[in-house]
Protein backbone atom coordinates (compact mmCIF):
# COMPACT_ATOMS: atom_id res chain seq x y z
CA MET A 1 100.16 113.88 78.56
CA VAL A 2 99.68 116.41 80.90
CA SER A 3 96.41 115.13 82.34
CA GLU A 4 98.07 111.75 82.93
CA LYS A 5 100.38 113.38 85.00
CA LEU A 6 97.71 115.78 86.72
CA GLU A 7 95.77 112.37 87.58
CA ALA A 8 98.63 110.64 89.01
CA SER A 9 99.53 113.40 91.27
CA LEU A 10 95.93 113.04 92.32
CA GLU A 11 96.28 109.24 93.13
CA THR A 12 99.58 109.97 94.65
CA GLY A 13 98.02 112.60 96.85
CA ALA A 14 94.92 110.38 97.85
CA GLU A 15 97.74 107.68 98.94
CA ILE A 16 99.47 110.15 100.85
CA GLN A 17 96.43 110.83 102.87
CA LYS A 18 95.45 107.44 103.31
CA ALA A 19 98.96 107.01 104.75
CA MET A 20 98.48 110.00 106.86
CA LEU A 21 95.21 108.67 108.32
CA GLY A 22 96.28 105.67 109.23
CA MET A 23 99.24 107.13 111.15
CA VAL A 24 96.61 109.08 113.23
CA PHE A 25 94.38 106.07 113.86
CA ARG A 26 97.38 103.89 114.73
CA GLN A 27 97.20 101.57 111.30
CA SER A 28 100.71 102.39 110.38
CA THR A 29 102.21 100.99 107.41
CA PRO A 30 105.60 99.91 106.82
CA TRP A 31 107.29 102.86 104.42
CA TRP A 32 108.31 100.64 101.61
CA VAL A 33 104.69 99.79 101.60
CA THR A 34 103.52 103.15 101.45
CA GLY A 35 106.26 104.25 99.21
CA ARG A 36 105.27 101.73 96.96
CA ARG A 37 101.86 102.42 97.03
CA THR A 38 102.55 106.27 96.28
CA LEU A 39 104.69 105.58 93.21
CA THR A 40 102.57 103.41 91.50
CA PRO A 41 100.24 105.80 89.55
CA TYR A 42 103.67 107.52 87.96
CA HIS A 43 105.32 104.08 87.37
CA ARG A 44 102.43 102.77 85.77
CA ARG A 45 101.78 105.73 83.55
CA SER A 46 105.60 106.37 82.77
CA SER A 47 105.66 102.45 81.57
CA ALA A 48 102.30 102.91 79.84
CA ASN A 49 103.91 105.94 78.08
CA SER A 50 107.11 104.07 77.14
CA ARG A 51 105.07 101.31 75.61
CA ARG A 52 103.01 103.45 73.50
CA LEU A 53 106.17 105.44 72.23
CA SER A 54 108.66 102.64 71.37
CA ARG A 55 105.39 101.36 69.30
CA GLY A 56 106.15 104.23 67.14
């Protein structure tokens, strides 16, 4: 479970870097798109976790 969180944080960091580079090169995206892309790795892993635990 710890490795999943680390992987999610790495994916989130990559999305933040892409958003920052987009701002530098004037290709800015709306904040809601960037926010959704940033939180997607955590959401994907937490929903997979809850499905796995509910099967129990």
